[in-house]
Amino acid sequence: MTDEETRLFRVHARHLETPHAHLVTEVSFEAACVAWLEGWPGEIGAEATVSVIVRDVDTGCERCFGIDLDTGAMARCD
């Protein structure tokens, strides 16, 4: 971990309801997304992509990321 300040995020797959979210402590939305995904046992499907919702617990700010599990590419989604 770096000297950056960590924050608490609530993270879940977009296709799952918020009660299935997990709390993750990380330095950024992107880092929280990756940390959550590393421990996610879910099934993906034929496209090998997943959309992940990351919410900053303190501010309520929410972002969505689409991740290609074959390449590791991550992009913001709507």
N, C-alpha and C. Protein backbone atom coordinates (compact mmCIF):
# COMPACT_ATOMS: atom_id res chain seq x y z
N MET A 1 0.85 -1.17 0.00
CA MET A 1 0.00 0.00 0.00
C MET A 1 0.89 1.23 0.00
N THR A 2 0.45 2.27 -0.65
CA THR A 2 1.23 3.49 -0.74
C THR A 2 0.87 4.43 0.40
N ASP A 3 1.45 5.64 0.36
CA ASP A 3 1.15 6.65 1.37
C ASP A 3 -0.19 7.33 1.11
N GLU A 4 -0.86 6.99 0.02
CA GLU A 4 -2.15 7.57 -0.28
C GLU A 4 -3.16 7.16 0.78
N GLU A 5 -4.12 8.03 1.03
CA GLU A 5 -5.16 7.75 2.01
C GLU A 5 -6.14 6.71 1.47
N THR A 6 -6.42 5.70 2.26
CA THR A 6 -7.39 4.69 1.85
C THR A 6 -8.80 5.14 2.21
N ARG A 7 -9.75 4.61 1.46
CA ARG A 7 -11.16 4.90 1.69
C ARG A 7 -11.93 3.59 1.69
N LEU A 8 -13.13 3.65 2.23
CA LEU A 8 -13.99 2.48 2.28
C LEU A 8 -14.97 2.55 1.10
N PHE A 9 -15.02 1.46 0.33
CA PHE A 9 -15.90 1.37 -0.83
C PHE A 9 -16.84 0.17 -0.67
N ARG A 10 -18.05 0.31 -1.21
CA ARG A 10 -19.00 -0.81 -1.31
C ARG A 10 -19.01 -1.20 -2.78
N VAL A 11 -18.71 -2.48 -3.06
CA VAL A 11 -18.52 -2.93 -4.44
C VAL A 11 -19.38 -4.16 -4.73
N HIS A 12 -20.02 -4.16 -5.92
CA HIS A 12 -20.80 -5.33 -6.32
C HIS A 12 -20.91 -5.40 -7.83
N ALA A 13 -21.18 -6.59 -8.35
CA ALA A 13 -21.40 -6.76 -9.78
C ALA A 13 -22.70 -6.04 -10.14
N ARG A 14 -22.72 -5.40 -11.28
CA ARG A 14 -23.89 -4.61 -11.70
C ARG A 14 -25.16 -5.45 -11.76
N HIS A 15 -25.05 -6.71 -12.13
CA HIS A 15 -26.24 -7.55 -12.27
C HIS A 15 -26.76 -8.07 -10.92
N LEU A 16 -26.05 -7.79 -9.84
CA LEU A 16 -26.49 -8.19 -8.51
C LEU A 16 -27.01 -6.98 -7.74
N GLU A 17 -27.91 -7.21 -6.83
CA GLU A 17 -28.44 -6.13 -6.01
C GLU A 17 -27.41 -5.69 -4.98
N THR A 18 -27.56 -4.47 -4.47
CA THR A 18 -26.64 -3.89 -3.50
C THR A 18 -26.42 -4.77 -2.27
N PRO A 19 -27.43 -5.51 -1.75
CA PRO A 19 -27.16 -6.35 -0.58
C PRO A 19 -26.06 -7.40 -0.79
N HIS A 20 -25.70 -7.66 -2.04
CA HIS A 20 -24.63 -8.61 -2.33
C HIS A 20 -23.25 -7.94 -2.39
N ALA A 21 -23.20 -6.67 -2.05
CA ALA A 21 -21.95 -5.92 -2.12
C ALA A 21 -21.01 -6.31 -0.99
N HIS A 22 -19.73 -6.03 -1.21
CA HIS A 22 -18.70 -6.26 -0.21
C HIS A 22 -17.99 -4.94 0.06
N LEU A 23 -17.54 -4.77 1.29
CA LEU A 23 -16.78 -3.58 1.64
C LEU A 23 -15.30 -3.82 1.35
N VAL A 24 -14.67 -2.84 0.72
CA VAL A 24 -13.27 -2.93 0.33
C VAL A 24 -12.58 -1.62 0.74
N THR A 25 -11.43 -1.71 1.35
CA THR A 25 -10.64 -0.53 1.69
C THR A 25 -9.50 -0.40 0.69
N GLU A 26 -9.50 0.70 -0.06
CA GLU A 26 -8.49 0.92 -1.09
C GLU A 26 -8.24 2.41 -1.27
N VAL A 27 -7.32 2.76 -2.17
CA VAL A 27 -6.94 4.16 -2.39
C VAL A 27 -7.73 4.83 -3.51
N SER A 28 -8.41 4.05 -4.35
CA SER A 28 -9.16 4.63 -5.46
C SER A 28 -10.32 3.72 -5.86
N PHE A 29 -11.22 4.28 -6.67
CA PHE A 29 -12.33 3.48 -7.20
C PHE A 29 -11.80 2.29 -8.00
N GLU A 30 -10.80 2.55 -8.84
CA GLU A 30 -10.24 1.50 -9.69
C GLU A 30 -9.59 0.40 -8.86
N ALA A 31 -8.83 0.78 -7.85
CA ALA A 31 -8.17 -0.20 -6.99
C ALA A 31 -9.21 -1.03 -6.22
N ALA A 32 -10.29 -0.39 -5.79
CA ALA A 32 -11.36 -1.11 -5.09
C ALA A 32 -12.03 -2.11 -6.02
N CYS A 33 -12.22 -1.72 -7.26
CA CYS A 33 -12.82 -2.62 -8.25
C CYS A 33 -11.96 -3.85 -8.45
N VAL A 34 -10.67 -3.65 -8.64
CA VAL A 34 -9.74 -4.77 -8.86
C VAL A 34 -9.66 -5.66 -7.62
N ALA A 35 -9.58 -5.06 -6.43
CA ALA A 35 -9.51 -5.84 -5.19
C ALA A 35 -10.74 -6.70 -5.01
N TRP A 36 -11.90 -6.14 -5.30
CA TRP A 36 -13.14 -6.91 -5.18
C TRP A 36 -13.16 -8.04 -6.20
N LEU A 37 -12.77 -7.74 -7.43
CA LEU A 37 -12.81 -8.73 -8.50
C LEU A 37 -11.87 -9.91 -8.24
N GLU A 38 -10.74 -9.66 -7.61
CA GLU A 38 -9.78 -10.72 -7.32
C GLU A 38 -10.37 -11.80 -6.41
N GLY A 39 -11.31 -11.44 -5.58
CA GLY A 39 -11.93 -12.41 -4.68
C GLY A 39 -13.32 -12.85 -5.08
N TRP A 40 -13.79 -12.39 -6.25
CA TRP A 40 -15.16 -12.70 -6.68
C TRP A 40 -15.24 -14.08 -7.31
N PRO A 41 -16.08 -14.96 -6.77
CA PRO A 41 -16.18 -16.32 -7.30
C PRO A 41 -17.27 -16.49 -8.36
N GLY A 42 -17.89 -15.41 -8.78
CA GLY A 42 -19.05 -15.48 -9.67
C GLY A 42 -18.76 -16.01 -11.05
N GLU A 43 -19.82 -16.42 -11.70
CA GLU A 43 -19.74 -16.88 -13.09
C GLU A 43 -19.87 -15.67 -14.01
N ILE A 44 -19.16 -15.68 -15.12
CA ILE A 44 -19.14 -14.54 -16.01
C ILE A 44 -20.00 -14.76 -17.25
N GLY A 45 -19.88 -15.85 -17.92
CA GLY A 45 -20.61 -16.07 -19.16
C GLY A 45 -19.67 -16.07 -20.35
N ALA A 46 -20.24 -16.16 -21.53
CA ALA A 46 -19.46 -16.34 -22.75
C ALA A 46 -18.58 -15.13 -23.10
N GLU A 47 -19.03 -13.91 -22.80
CA GLU A 47 -18.26 -12.74 -23.19
C GLU A 47 -17.04 -12.48 -22.31
N ALA A 48 -16.98 -13.10 -21.16
CA ALA A 48 -15.87 -12.92 -20.22
C ALA A 48 -15.71 -11.45 -19.82
N THR A 49 -16.84 -10.77 -19.61
CA THR A 49 -16.82 -9.39 -19.12
C THR A 49 -17.74 -9.27 -17.92
N VAL A 50 -17.45 -8.29 -17.09
CA VAL A 50 -18.31 -8.03 -15.93
C VAL A 50 -18.35 -6.52 -15.71
N SER A 51 -19.52 -6.04 -15.32
CA SER A 51 -19.68 -4.64 -14.94
C SER A 51 -19.74 -4.57 -13.43
N VAL A 52 -18.96 -3.65 -12.86
CA VAL A 52 -18.83 -3.56 -11.41
C VAL A 52 -19.19 -2.15 -10.95
N ILE A 53 -20.03 -2.07 -9.92
CA ILE A 53 -20.42 -0.80 -9.32
C ILE A 53 -19.57 -0.58 -8.07
N VAL A 54 -18.92 0.58 -7.99
CA VAL A 54 -18.08 0.93 -6.85
C VAL A 54 -18.63 2.23 -6.25
N ARG A 55 -18.95 2.20 -4.96
CA ARG A 55 -19.52 3.36 -4.27
C ARG A 55 -18.64 3.74 -3.09
N ASP A 56 -18.24 5.01 -3.03
CA ASP A 56 -17.49 5.53 -1.88
C ASP A 56 -18.47 5.65 -0.72
N VAL A 57 -18.22 4.93 0.35
CA VAL A 57 -19.15 4.89 1.49
C VAL A 57 -19.32 6.27 2.13
N ASP A 58 -18.25 7.04 2.24
CA ASP A 58 -18.33 8.35 2.89
C ASP A 58 -19.03 9.41 2.05
N THR A 59 -18.75 9.46 0.77
CA THR A 59 -19.29 10.53 -0.07
C THR A 59 -20.54 10.13 -0.84
N GLY A 60 -20.74 8.82 -1.04
CA GLY A 60 -21.87 8.35 -1.83
C GLY A 60 -21.61 8.39 -3.33
N CYS A 61 -20.45 8.88 -3.73
CA CYS A 61 -20.09 8.93 -5.15
C CYS A 61 -19.99 7.49 -5.68
N GLU A 62 -20.58 7.26 -6.87
CA GLU A 62 -20.65 5.91 -7.41
C GLU A 62 -20.11 5.90 -8.84
N ARG A 63 -19.35 4.88 -9.18
CA ARG A 63 -18.82 4.70 -10.53
C ARG A 63 -19.03 3.27 -10.97
N CYS A 64 -19.15 3.09 -12.28
CA CYS A 64 -19.30 1.77 -12.87
C CYS A 64 -18.10 1.50 -13.76
N PHE A 65 -17.60 0.27 -13.71
CA PHE A 65 -16.47 -0.13 -14.55
C PHE A 65 -16.82 -1.42 -15.27
N GLY A 66 -16.52 -1.47 -16.56
CA GLY A 66 -16.63 -2.69 -17.33
C GLY A 66 -15.24 -3.29 -17.44
N ILE A 67 -15.13 -4.58 -17.15
CA ILE A 67 -13.82 -5.23 -17.16
C ILE A 67 -13.85 -6.43 -18.11
N ASP A 68 -12.91 -6.45 -19.02
CA ASP A 68 -12.74 -7.60 -19.91
C ASP A 68 -11.81 -8.57 -19.19
N LEU A 69 -12.33 -9.70 -18.80
CA LEU A 69 -11.54 -10.65 -18.01
C LEU A 69 -10.47 -11.37 -18.83
N ASP A 70 -10.60 -11.36 -20.15
CA ASP A 70 -9.57 -11.97 -20.99
C ASP A 70 -8.33 -11.08 -21.08
N THR A 71 -8.54 -9.78 -21.21
CA THR A 71 -7.41 -8.86 -21.41
C THR A 71 -7.06 -8.05 -20.16
N GLY A 72 -7.99 -7.94 -19.22
CA GLY A 72 -7.78 -7.12 -18.04
C GLY A 72 -8.09 -5.65 -18.27
N ALA A 73 -8.55 -5.29 -19.46
CA ALA A 73 -8.88 -3.91 -19.77
C ALA A 73 -10.09 -3.46 -18.93
N MET A 74 -9.98 -2.24 -18.40
CA MET A 74 -11.05 -1.68 -17.58
C MET A 74 -11.44 -0.33 -18.15
N ALA A 75 -12.76 -0.10 -18.27
CA ALA A 75 -13.25 1.18 -18.78
C ALA A 75 -14.49 1.59 -18.00
N ARG A 76 -14.68 2.88 -17.84
CA ARG A 76 -15.89 3.37 -17.18
C ARG A 76 -17.11 3.03 -18.01
N CYS A 77 -18.20 2.72 -17.35
CA CYS A 77 -19.47 2.45 -18.05
C CYS A 77 -20.54 3.37 -17.45
N ASP A 78 -21.67 3.45 -18.15
CA ASP A 78 -22.78 4.30 -17.69
C ASP A 78 -23.69 3.56 -16.75
